[in-house]
Amino acid sequence: MKEKFYFSLLRYVYDPLTQEFVNIGVVLYSPANRFLRATFTPRYGRVSRMFGRIDGASFRSTVGYIQRKISDANERIARGLLFSDPKESLETILGEVLPPDDTAIRFVFGGLGMTEDPAKSLDELFQRYVARYENPSEYARRDENDVWKVFQEPLRTKEVFPHFAPKVIAAPNYEYEFERSWKNGIWHLFEPVSFDLADANSISEKASRWVGRAASLSDSSERFKLFLLLGEPTDPKLGDAFLKARNLLAAKIPVENQLVRERDAEQFAEEIEQEFRDHSLESQE
């Protein structure tokens, strides 16, 4: 007989403003089955790939602590601890395990469903929300460095290339360092973005994160123009997802911007070179 279950996701939230996150675990609670269990990944490689190096020992220690607390709560439920409001009870238990605050690791309510086998449903949820992204080859076929190489070659021969330098754009509540920038009246910020990902959902989520990041930087006191150098999916079936992501960026990014596809890398290099020459002539006048 199928019974109702509730589940929550454990996330590593890199930035609360842009809502960049990685799911690192799942907790499932089935009141009728007196079942409360969790599956977490102790592996932090995907977090590091997306957001930079983290303290691996601290990450594993925190995840291990949460796992033990969930096991303790499951034992209490097995002895007959039931709640009048199951959804609220799950949130209450998780709030005691990991009080909600502004730390990077936090629980979010995932949803509910029906199951005859809670353990199997937990495994399926873990595979759906966590495990499928663990393998780097399944997450990103090409990363940002691979995309940058496409644009780097035609730019390398241009006079402007040696003048590229890192630049931090700071807003009141957020800042971001661009590895390649050049100032021509305003800052020109060049950022490769790989959309050569595993599925359409990943492509959409990445575009949404860049919309959020740009919005967070939009009230910076420094003027800038954002150039997103877009790496397209190598899988033809994801072409429509890429076009939707590009349309989302074009429509929603609230700062001056230009979206450049890989096929236009040579033309883009020529445009930047001409702009640099024009700026140099103006500086001499």
C-alpha atoms as a PDB file:
ATOM      1  CA  MET A   1       0.000   0.000   0.000  1.00  0.00           C
ATOM      2  CA  LYS A   2       1.358   3.401  -0.955  1.00  0.00           C
ATOM      3  CA  GLU A   3       1.872   5.887   1.837  1.00  0.00           C
ATOM      4  CA  LYS A   4       2.668   9.602   1.774  1.00  0.00           C
ATOM      5  CA  PHE A   5       6.239  10.796   2.229  1.00  0.00           C
ATOM      6  CA  TYR A   6       7.927  14.183   2.555  1.00  0.00           C
ATOM      7  CA  PHE A   7      11.481  15.010   1.561  1.00  0.00           C
ATOM      8  CA  SER A   8      14.011  17.794   1.993  1.00  0.00           C
ATOM      9  CA  LEU A   9      17.262  18.562   0.193  1.00  0.00           C
ATOM     10  CA  LEU A  10      20.541  19.443   1.832  1.00  0.00           C
ATOM     11  CA  ARG A  11      22.271  22.157  -0.170  1.00  0.00           C
ATOM     12  CA  TYR A  12      25.605  23.868  -0.259  1.00  0.00           C
ATOM     13  CA  VAL A  13      24.591  27.467  -1.039  1.00  0.00           C
ATOM     14  CA  TYR A  14      27.537  29.402  -2.436  1.00  0.00           C
ATOM     15  CA  ASP A  15      25.833  32.798  -2.550  1.00  0.00           C
ATOM     16  CA  PRO A  16      22.397  33.602  -1.087  1.00  0.00           C
ATOM     17  CA  LEU A  17      21.916  36.595  -3.401  1.00  0.00           C
ATOM     18  CA  THR A  18      22.431  34.770  -6.676  1.00  0.00           C
ATOM     19  CA  GLN A  19      21.059  31.491  -5.234  1.00  0.00           C
ATOM     20  CA  GLU A  20      23.955  29.463  -6.619  1.00  0.00           C
ATOM     21  CA  PHE A  21      23.850  26.053  -4.963  1.00  0.00           C
ATOM     22  CA  VAL A  22      24.710  22.368  -5.197  1.00  0.00           C
ATOM     23  CA  ASN A  23      22.474  19.625  -3.784  1.00  0.00           C
ATOM     24  CA  ILE A  24      24.527  17.353  -1.521  1.00  0.00           C
ATOM     25  CA  GLY A  25      21.886  15.152   0.111  1.00  0.00           C
ATOM     26  CA  VAL A  26      18.263  14.054   0.545  1.00  0.00           C
ATOM     27  CA  VAL A  27      16.174  13.336   3.676  1.00  0.00           C
ATOM     28  CA  LEU A  28      12.928  11.338   3.359  1.00  0.00           C
ATOM     29  CA  TYR A  29      10.230  11.027   6.033  1.00  0.00           C
ATOM     30  CA  SER A  30       7.263   8.640   5.765  1.00  0.00           C
ATOM     31  CA  PRO A  31       5.059   8.985   8.892  1.00  0.00           C
ATOM     32  CA  ALA A  32       2.977   5.837   8.310  1.00  0.00           C
ATOM     33  CA  ASN A  33       6.134   3.755   7.876  1.00  0.00           C
ATOM     34  CA  ARG A  34       7.927   5.413  10.789  1.00  0.00           C
ATOM     35  CA  PHE A  35      10.748   6.001   8.362  1.00  0.00           C
ATOM     36  CA  LEU A  36      13.201   8.914   8.542  1.00  0.00           C
ATOM     37  CA  ARG A  37      16.465   8.454   6.706  1.00  0.00           C
ATOM     38  CA  ALA A  38      18.997  10.476   4.752  1.00  0.00           C
ATOM     39  CA  THR A  39      21.575   9.931   2.063  1.00  0.00           C
ATOM     40  CA  PHE A  40      24.360  12.485   1.745  1.00  0.00           C
ATOM     41  CA  THR A  41      27.431  12.612  -0.426  1.00  0.00           C
ATOM     42  CA  PRO A  42      30.760  12.993   1.402  1.00  0.00           C
ATOM     43  CA  ARG A  43      32.354  14.039  -1.898  1.00  0.00           C
ATOM     44  CA  TYR A  44      32.922  17.752  -2.380  1.00  0.00           C
ATOM     45  CA  GLY A  45      34.512  17.682  -5.853  1.00  0.00           C
ATOM     46  CA  ARG A  46      31.485  19.137  -7.635  1.00  0.00           C
ATOM     47  CA  VAL A  47      31.270  21.985  -5.119  1.00  0.00           C
ATOM     48  CA  SER A  48      34.941  22.780  -5.712  1.00  0.00           C
ATOM     49  CA  ARG A  49      34.555  22.591  -9.492  1.00  0.00           C
ATOM     50  CA  MET A  50      31.690  25.062  -9.445  1.00  0.00           C
ATOM     51  CA  PHE A  51      32.701  27.502  -6.725  1.00  0.00           C
ATOM     52  CA  GLY A  52      36.397  27.055  -6.053  1.00  0.00           C
ATOM     53  CA  ARG A  53      38.345  25.244  -3.362  1.00  0.00           C
ATOM     54  CA  ILE A  54      36.581  24.473  -0.055  1.00  0.00           C
ATOM     55  CA  ASP A  55      37.704  22.930   3.239  1.00  0.00           C
ATOM     56  CA  GLY A  56      37.180  19.236   2.481  1.00  0.00           C
ATOM     57  CA  ALA A  57      37.720  18.027   6.054  1.00  0.00           C
ATOM     58  CA  SER A  58      35.176  20.495   7.414  1.00  0.00           C
ATOM     59  CA  PHE A  59      32.688  19.543   4.675  1.00  0.00           C
ATOM     60  CA  ARG A  60      32.926  15.806   5.473  1.00  0.00           C
ATOM     61  CA  SER A  61      32.740  16.476   9.220  1.00  0.00           C
ATOM     62  CA  THR A  62      29.560  18.557   8.845  1.00  0.00           C
ATOM     63  CA  VAL A  63      27.874  16.006   6.588  1.00  0.00           C
ATOM     64  CA  GLY A  64      28.812  13.180   8.971  1.00  0.00           C
ATOM     65  CA  TYR A  65      27.385  15.090  11.931  1.00  0.00           C
ATOM     66  CA  ILE A  66      24.079  15.699  10.113  1.00  0.00           C
ATOM     67  CA  GLN A  67      23.880  12.024   9.118  1.00  0.00           C
ATOM     68  CA  ARG A  68      24.288  10.939  12.764  1.00  0.00           C
ATOM     69  CA  LYS A  69      21.635  13.379  13.990  1.00  0.00           C
ATOM     70  CA  ILE A  70      19.152  12.108  11.397  1.00  0.00           C
ATOM     71  CA  SER A  71      19.851   8.523  12.496  1.00  0.00           C
ATOM     72  CA  ASP A  72      19.190   9.476  16.127  1.00  0.00           C
ATOM     73  CA  ALA A  73      15.869  11.086  15.136  1.00  0.00           C
ATOM     74  CA  ASN A  74      14.906   7.967  13.168  1.00  0.00           C
ATOM     75  CA  GLU A  75      15.421   5.827  16.256  1.00  0.00           C
ATOM     76  CA  ARG A  76      13.067   8.041  18.250  1.00  0.00           C
ATOM     77  CA  ILE A  77      10.403   7.796  15.515  1.00  0.00           C
ATOM     78  CA  ALA A  78      10.805   4.005  15.391  1.00  0.00           C
ATOM     79  CA  ARG A  79       9.965   3.910  19.105  1.00  0.00           C
ATOM     80  CA  GLY A  80       6.618   5.566  18.405  1.00  0.00           C
ATOM     81  CA  LEU A  81       7.224   9.291  18.140  1.00  0.00           C
ATOM     82  CA  LEU A  82       4.547  10.515  15.693  1.00  0.00           C
ATOM     83  CA  PHE A  83       3.402  14.024  14.816  1.00  0.00           C
ATOM     84  CA  SER A  84       0.044  15.617  14.075  1.00  0.00           C
ATOM     85  CA  ASP A  85       1.520  17.585  11.187  1.00  0.00           C
ATOM     86  CA  PRO A  86       4.092  15.404   9.358  1.00  0.00           C
ATOM     87  CA  LYS A  87       5.404  18.156   7.084  1.00  0.00           C
ATOM     88  CA  GLU A  88       5.883  20.483  10.023  1.00  0.00           C
ATOM     89  CA  SER A  89       7.502  17.678  12.001  1.00  0.00           C
ATOM     90  CA  LEU A  90      10.113  17.087   9.290  1.00  0.00           C
ATOM     91  CA  GLU A  91      10.954  20.773   9.256  1.00  0.00           C
ATOM     92  CA  THR A  92      11.095  20.741  13.071  1.00  0.00           C
ATOM     93  CA  ILE A  93      13.466  17.772  13.163  1.00  0.00           C
ATOM     94  CA  LEU A  94      15.731  19.257  10.528  1.00  0.00           C
ATOM     95  CA  GLY A  95      15.655  22.606  12.308  1.00  0.00           C
ATOM     96  CA  GLU A  96      17.011  20.870  15.413  1.00  0.00           C
ATOM     97  CA  VAL A  97      19.638  19.029  13.367  1.00  0.00           C
ATOM     98  CA  LEU A  98      20.776  22.119  11.495  1.00  0.00           C
ATOM     99  CA  PRO A  99      19.191  25.390  12.675  1.00  0.00           C
ATOM    100  CA  PRO A 100      18.276  27.638   9.736  1.00  0.00           C
ATOM    101  CA  ASP A 101      20.772  30.495   9.359  1.00  0.00           C
ATOM    102  CA  ASP A 102      23.051  32.067   6.765  1.00  0.00           C
ATOM    103  CA  THR A 103      25.629  29.254   6.700  1.00  0.00           C
ATOM    104  CA  ALA A 104      26.550  27.637   3.397  1.00  0.00           C
ATOM    105  CA  ILE A 105      25.025  24.216   4.204  1.00  0.00           C
ATOM    106  CA  ARG A 106      21.247  24.254   4.777  1.00  0.00           C
ATOM    107  CA  PHE A 107      18.029  22.267   4.313  1.00  0.00           C
ATOM    108  CA  VAL A 108      15.232  23.245   1.918  1.00  0.00           C
ATOM    109  CA  PHE A 109      11.864  21.493   1.665  1.00  0.00           C
ATOM    110  CA  GLY A 110      11.798  19.412  -1.504  1.00  0.00           C
ATOM    111  CA  GLY A 111       8.226  18.139  -1.809  1.00  0.00           C
ATOM    112  CA  LEU A 112       6.050  15.114  -1.174  1.00  0.00           C
ATOM    113  CA  GLY A 113       4.970  11.906  -2.886  1.00  0.00           C
ATOM    114  CA  MET A 114       3.538   8.413  -2.463  1.00  0.00           C
ATOM    115  CA  THR A 115       5.581   5.248  -2.032  1.00  0.00           C
ATOM    116  CA  GLU A 116       5.346   1.552  -1.178  1.00  0.00           C
ATOM    117  CA  ASP A 117       9.086   1.421  -0.462  1.00  0.00           C
ATOM    118  CA  PRO A 118      10.534   4.495   1.322  1.00  0.00           C
ATOM    119  CA  ALA A 119      14.134   3.257   1.049  1.00  0.00           C
ATOM    120  CA  LYS A 120      13.791   2.823  -2.720  1.00  0.00           C
ATOM    121  CA  SER A 121      12.184   6.250  -3.070  1.00  0.00           C
ATOM    122  CA  LEU A 122      15.035   7.799  -1.068  1.00  0.00           C
ATOM    123  CA  ASP A 123      17.561   6.220  -3.409  1.00  0.00           C
ATOM    124  CA  GLU A 124      15.649   7.443  -6.467  1.00  0.00           C
ATOM    125  CA  LEU A 125      15.509  10.988  -5.096  1.00  0.00           C
ATOM    126  CA  PHE A 126      19.231  10.911  -4.314  1.00  0.00           C
ATOM    127  CA  GLN A 127      20.005   9.747  -7.838  1.00  0.00           C
ATOM    128  CA  ARG A 128      17.761  12.472  -9.303  1.00  0.00           C
ATOM    129  CA  TYR A 129      18.952  15.436  -7.250  1.00  0.00           C
ATOM    130  CA  VAL A 130      22.538  14.545  -6.317  1.00  0.00           C
ATOM    131  CA  ALA A 131      24.240  11.507  -7.842  1.00  0.00           C
ATOM    132  CA  ARG A 132      23.471  12.315 -11.483  1.00  0.00           C
ATOM    133  CA  TYR A 133      25.693  15.404 -11.204  1.00  0.00           C
ATOM    134  CA  GLU A 134      28.591  13.782  -9.336  1.00  0.00           C
ATOM    135  CA  ASN A 135      30.508  12.701 -12.448  1.00  0.00           C
ATOM    136  CA  PRO A 136      32.223  15.721 -14.033  1.00  0.00           C
ATOM    137  CA  SER A 137      31.855  14.281 -17.528  1.00  0.00           C
ATOM    138  CA  GLU A 138      28.090  14.160 -16.989  1.00  0.00           C
ATOM    139  CA  TYR A 139      27.950  17.688 -15.660  1.00  0.00           C
ATOM    140  CA  ALA A 140      30.133  19.654 -18.063  1.00  0.00           C
ATOM    141  CA  ARG A 141      31.548  18.356 -21.319  1.00  0.00           C
ATOM    142  CA  ARG A 142      33.533  21.582 -21.683  1.00  0.00           C
ATOM    143  CA  ASP A 143      34.234  24.031 -18.886  1.00  0.00           C
ATOM    144  CA  GLU A 144      34.876  27.793 -18.982  1.00  0.00           C
ATOM    145  CA  ASN A 145      38.585  27.336 -19.713  1.00  0.00           C
ATOM    146  CA  ASP A 146      37.733  25.290 -22.799  1.00  0.00           C
ATOM    147  CA  VAL A 147      35.372  28.003 -24.040  1.00  0.00           C
ATOM    148  CA  TRP A 148      37.927  30.739 -23.366  1.00  0.00           C
ATOM    149  CA  LYS A 149      40.472  28.940 -25.577  1.00  0.00           C
ATOM    150  CA  VAL A 150      38.127  29.393 -28.550  1.00  0.00           C
ATOM    151  CA  PHE A 151      38.079  33.170 -28.033  1.00  0.00           C
ATOM    152  CA  GLN A 152      41.678  33.423 -26.876  1.00  0.00           C
ATOM    153  CA  GLU A 153      43.252  32.351 -30.154  1.00  0.00           C
ATOM    154  CA  PRO A 154      41.924  35.202 -32.353  1.00  0.00           C
ATOM    155  CA  LEU A 155      42.381  37.704 -29.503  1.00  0.00           C
ATOM    156  CA  ARG A 156      45.997  36.692 -28.929  1.00  0.00           C
ATOM    157  CA  THR A 157      47.111  38.291 -32.194  1.00  0.00           C
ATOM    158  CA  LYS A 158      45.362  41.571 -31.423  1.00  0.00           C
ATOM    159  CA  GLU A 159      46.933  44.559 -29.727  1.00  0.00           C
ATOM    160  CA  VAL A 160      44.359  44.578 -26.972  1.00  0.00           C
ATOM    161  CA  PHE A 161      45.156  41.127 -25.540  1.00  0.00           C
ATOM    162  CA  PRO A 162      48.196  42.122 -23.407  1.00  0.00           C
ATOM    163  CA  HIS A 163      46.062  44.782 -21.707  1.00  0.00           C
ATOM    164  CA  PHE A 164      43.523  42.326 -20.250  1.00  0.00           C
ATOM    165  CA  ALA A 165      43.673  42.136 -16.435  1.00  0.00           C
ATOM    166  CA  PRO A 166      41.537  40.909 -13.521  1.00  0.00           C
ATOM    167  CA  LYS A 167      38.902  43.285 -12.165  1.00  0.00           C
ATOM    168  CA  VAL A 168      36.631  43.061  -9.127  1.00  0.00           C
ATOM    169  CA  ILE A 169      33.221  44.686  -9.565  1.00  0.00           C
ATOM    170  CA  ALA A 170      31.752  45.452  -6.157  1.00  0.00           C
ATOM    171  CA  ALA A 171      28.147  46.279  -5.300  1.00  0.00           C
ATOM    172  CA  PRO A 172      26.753  47.046  -1.828  1.00  0.00           C
ATOM    173  CA  ASN A 173      25.877  43.401  -1.125  1.00  0.00           C
ATOM    174  CA  TYR A 174      27.895  41.406  -3.657  1.00  0.00           C
ATOM    175  CA  GLU A 175      31.151  41.385  -5.571  1.00  0.00           C
ATOM    176  CA  TYR A 176      32.619  39.279  -8.360  1.00  0.00           C
ATOM    177  CA  GLU A 177      36.118  39.056  -9.832  1.00  0.00           C
ATOM    178  CA  PHE A 178      36.374  38.914 -13.608  1.00  0.00           C
ATOM    179  CA  GLU A 179      39.661  37.413 -14.759  1.00  0.00           C
ATOM    180  CA  ARG A 180      39.759  39.407 -17.997  1.00  0.00           C
ATOM    181  CA  SER A 181      38.857  43.070 -18.305  1.00  0.00           C
ATOM    182  CA  TRP A 182      39.893  46.254 -20.078  1.00  0.00           C
ATOM    183  CA  LYS A 183      38.878  49.848 -19.425  1.00  0.00           C
ATOM    184  CA  ASN A 184      37.718  52.076 -22.242  1.00  0.00           C
ATOM    185  CA  GLY A 185      35.780  54.822 -20.490  1.00  0.00           C
ATOM    186  CA  ILE A 186      33.901  52.033 -18.711  1.00  0.00           C
ATOM    187  CA  TRP A 187      35.074  48.597 -17.753  1.00  0.00           C
ATOM    188  CA  HIS A 188      34.769  45.897 -20.410  1.00  0.00           C
ATOM    189  CA  LEU A 189      34.386  42.549 -18.650  1.00  0.00           C
ATOM    190  CA  PHE A 190      34.955  39.335 -20.612  1.00  0.00           C
ATOM    191  CA  GLU A 191      33.524  36.152 -19.118  1.00  0.00           C
ATOM    192  CA  PRO A 192      33.405  32.725 -20.828  1.00  0.00           C
ATOM    193  CA  VAL A 193      30.302  30.713 -19.942  1.00  0.00           C
ATOM    194  CA  SER A 194      30.038  27.058 -20.913  1.00  0.00           C
ATOM    195  CA  PHE A 195      26.578  25.744 -21.754  1.00  0.00           C
ATOM    196  CA  ASP A 196      28.045  22.433 -22.934  1.00  0.00           C
ATOM    197  CA  LEU A 197      26.251  20.638 -20.121  1.00  0.00           C
ATOM    198  CA  ALA A 198      24.479  17.346 -19.531  1.00  0.00           C
ATOM    199  CA  ASP A 199      20.846  18.351 -19.901  1.00  0.00           C
ATOM    200  CA  ALA A 200      18.419  21.185 -20.614  1.00  0.00           C
ATOM    201  CA  ASN A 201      17.683  21.812 -16.939  1.00  0.00           C
ATOM    202  CA  SER A 202      21.369  22.409 -16.170  1.00  0.00           C
ATOM    203  CA  ILE A 203      21.579  24.878 -19.057  1.00  0.00           C
ATOM    204  CA  SER A 204      18.514  26.783 -17.861  1.00  0.00           C
ATOM    205  CA  GLU A 205      19.760  26.896 -14.264  1.00  0.00           C
ATOM    206  CA  LYS A 206      23.159  28.243 -15.300  1.00  0.00           C
ATOM    207  CA  ALA A 207      21.585  31.020 -17.362  1.00  0.00           C
ATOM    208  CA  SER A 208      19.368  31.929 -14.403  1.00  0.00           C
ATOM    209  CA  ARG A 209      22.399  32.116 -12.120  1.00  0.00           C
ATOM    210  CA  TRP A 210      24.083  34.589 -14.471  1.00  0.00           C
ATOM    211  CA  VAL A 211      20.936  36.718 -14.556  1.00  0.00           C
ATOM    212  CA  GLY A 212      21.009  36.764 -10.751  1.00  0.00           C
ATOM    213  CA  ARG A 213      24.719  37.569 -10.637  1.00  0.00           C
ATOM    214  CA  ALA A 214      24.340  40.456 -13.083  1.00  0.00           C
ATOM    215  CA  ALA A 215      21.369  41.779 -11.120  1.00  0.00           C
ATOM    216  CA  SER A 216      23.421  41.690  -7.925  1.00  0.00           C
ATOM    217  CA  LEU A 217      26.172  43.731  -9.598  1.00  0.00           C
ATOM    218  CA  SER A 218      23.823  46.204 -11.299  1.00  0.00           C
ATOM    219  CA  ASP A 219      23.965  48.749  -8.480  1.00  0.00           C
ATOM    220  CA  SER A 220      27.767  48.934  -8.468  1.00  0.00           C
ATOM    221  CA  SER A 221      29.165  52.465  -8.445  1.00  0.00           C
ATOM    222  CA  GLU A 222      31.454  51.549 -11.372  1.00  0.00           C
ATOM    223  CA  ARG A 223      30.162  51.551 -14.915  1.00  0.00           C
ATOM    224  CA  PHE A 224      30.795  48.416 -16.905  1.00  0.00           C
ATOM    225  CA  LYS A 225      29.721  46.371 -19.901  1.00  0.00           C
ATOM    226  CA  LEU A 226      29.448  42.615 -19.554  1.00  0.00           C
ATOM    227  CA  PHE A 227      30.584  40.439 -22.452  1.00  0.00           C
ATOM    228  CA  LEU A 228      29.434  36.831 -22.022  1.00  0.00           C
ATOM    229  CA  LEU A 229      31.359  34.501 -24.340  1.00  0.00           C
ATOM    230  CA  LEU A 230      28.988  31.601 -24.811  1.00  0.00           C
ATOM    231  CA  GLY A 231      30.081  27.996 -25.267  1.00  0.00           C
ATOM    232  CA  GLU A 232      27.343  26.029 -27.014  1.00  0.00           C
ATOM    233  CA  PRO A 233      26.319  22.409 -26.341  1.00  0.00           C
ATOM    234  CA  THR A 234      28.115  19.781 -28.396  1.00  0.00           C
ATOM    235  CA  ASP A 235      24.971  17.630 -28.163  1.00  0.00           C
ATOM    236  CA  PRO A 236      22.644  18.759 -31.001  1.00  0.00           C
ATOM    237  CA  LYS A 237      19.594  17.723 -28.964  1.00  0.00           C
ATOM    238  CA  LEU A 238      20.353  20.556 -26.521  1.00  0.00           C
ATOM    239  CA  GLY A 239      20.337  23.262 -29.178  1.00  0.00           C
ATOM    240  CA  ASP A 240      16.853  24.485 -28.274  1.00  0.00           C
ATOM    241  CA  ALA A 241      17.771  24.636 -24.579  1.00  0.00           C
ATOM    242  CA  PHE A 242      20.786  26.779 -25.420  1.00  0.00           C
ATOM    243  CA  LEU A 243      18.701  29.185 -27.516  1.00  0.00           C
ATOM    244  CA  LYS A 244      16.208  29.554 -24.663  1.00  0.00           C
ATOM    245  CA  ALA A 245      19.070  30.222 -22.250  1.00  0.00           C
ATOM    246  CA  ARG A 246      20.555  32.833 -24.573  1.00  0.00           C
ATOM    247  CA  ASN A 247      17.148  34.499 -24.955  1.00  0.00           C
ATOM    248  CA  LEU A 248      16.771  34.552 -21.173  1.00  0.00           C
ATOM    249  CA  LEU A 249      20.146  36.248 -20.783  1.00  0.00           C
ATOM    250  CA  ALA A 250      19.348  38.799 -23.483  1.00  0.00           C
ATOM    251  CA  ALA A 251      15.966  39.649 -21.982  1.00  0.00           C
ATOM    252  CA  LYS A 252      16.731  39.615 -18.266  1.00  0.00           C
ATOM    253  CA  ILE A 253      20.308  40.772 -17.648  1.00  0.00           C
ATOM    254  CA  PRO A 254      19.798  44.299 -16.253  1.00  0.00           C
ATOM    255  CA  VAL A 255      23.202  45.747 -17.215  1.00  0.00           C
ATOM    256  CA  GLU A 256      24.784  46.735 -20.531  1.00  0.00           C
ATOM    257  CA  ASN A 257      25.897  43.505 -22.139  1.00  0.00           C
ATOM    258  CA  GLN A 258      26.831  41.654 -25.300  1.00  0.00           C
ATOM    259  CA  LEU A 259      26.365  37.921 -25.859  1.00  0.00           C
ATOM    260  CA  VAL A 260      28.952  36.408 -28.187  1.00  0.00           C
ATOM    261  CA  ARG A 261      28.734  32.923 -29.678  1.00  0.00           C
ATOM    262  CA  GLU A 262      31.807  30.845 -30.454  1.00  0.00           C
ATOM    263  CA  ARG A 263      31.159  31.023 -34.184  1.00  0.00           C
ATOM    264  CA  ASP A 264      31.650  34.783 -33.953  1.00  0.00           C
ATOM    265  CA  ALA A 265      34.957  34.658 -32.048  1.00  0.00           C
ATOM    266  CA  GLU A 266      37.055  35.953 -34.968  1.00  0.00           C
ATOM    267  CA  GLN A 267      34.700  38.832 -35.736  1.00  0.00           C
ATOM    268  CA  PHE A 268      34.485  39.688 -32.044  1.00  0.00           C
ATOM    269  CA  ALA A 269      38.288  39.885 -31.781  1.00  0.00           C
ATOM    270  CA  GLU A 270      38.360  42.280 -34.727  1.00  0.00           C
ATOM    271  CA  GLU A 271      35.691  44.483 -33.122  1.00  0.00           C
ATOM    272  CA  ILE A 272      37.600  44.668 -29.847  1.00  0.00           C
ATOM    273  CA  GLU A 273      40.844  45.450 -31.656  1.00  0.00           C
ATOM    274  CA  GLN A 274      39.178  48.284 -33.588  1.00  0.00           C
ATOM    275  CA  GLU A 275      37.638  49.683 -30.425  1.00  0.00           C
ATOM    276  CA  PHE A 276      41.027  49.604 -28.733  1.00  0.00           C
ATOM    277  CA  ARG A 277      42.649  51.436 -31.636  1.00  0.00           C
ATOM    278  CA  ASP A 278      39.928  54.078 -31.613  1.00  0.00           C
ATOM    279  CA  HIS A 279      40.404  54.551 -27.892  1.00  0.00           C
ATOM    280  CA  SER A 280      44.179  54.879 -28.319  1.00  0.00           C
ATOM    281  CA  LEU A 281      43.721  57.569 -31.001  1.00  0.00           C
ATOM    282  CA  GLU A 282      41.293  59.482 -28.786  1.00  0.00           C
ATOM    283  CA  SER A 283      43.798  59.374 -25.912  1.00  0.00           C
ATOM    284  CA  GLN A 284      46.465  60.956 -28.152  1.00  0.00           C
ATOM    285  CA  GLU A 285      44.284  63.862 -29.232  1.00  0.00           C
END
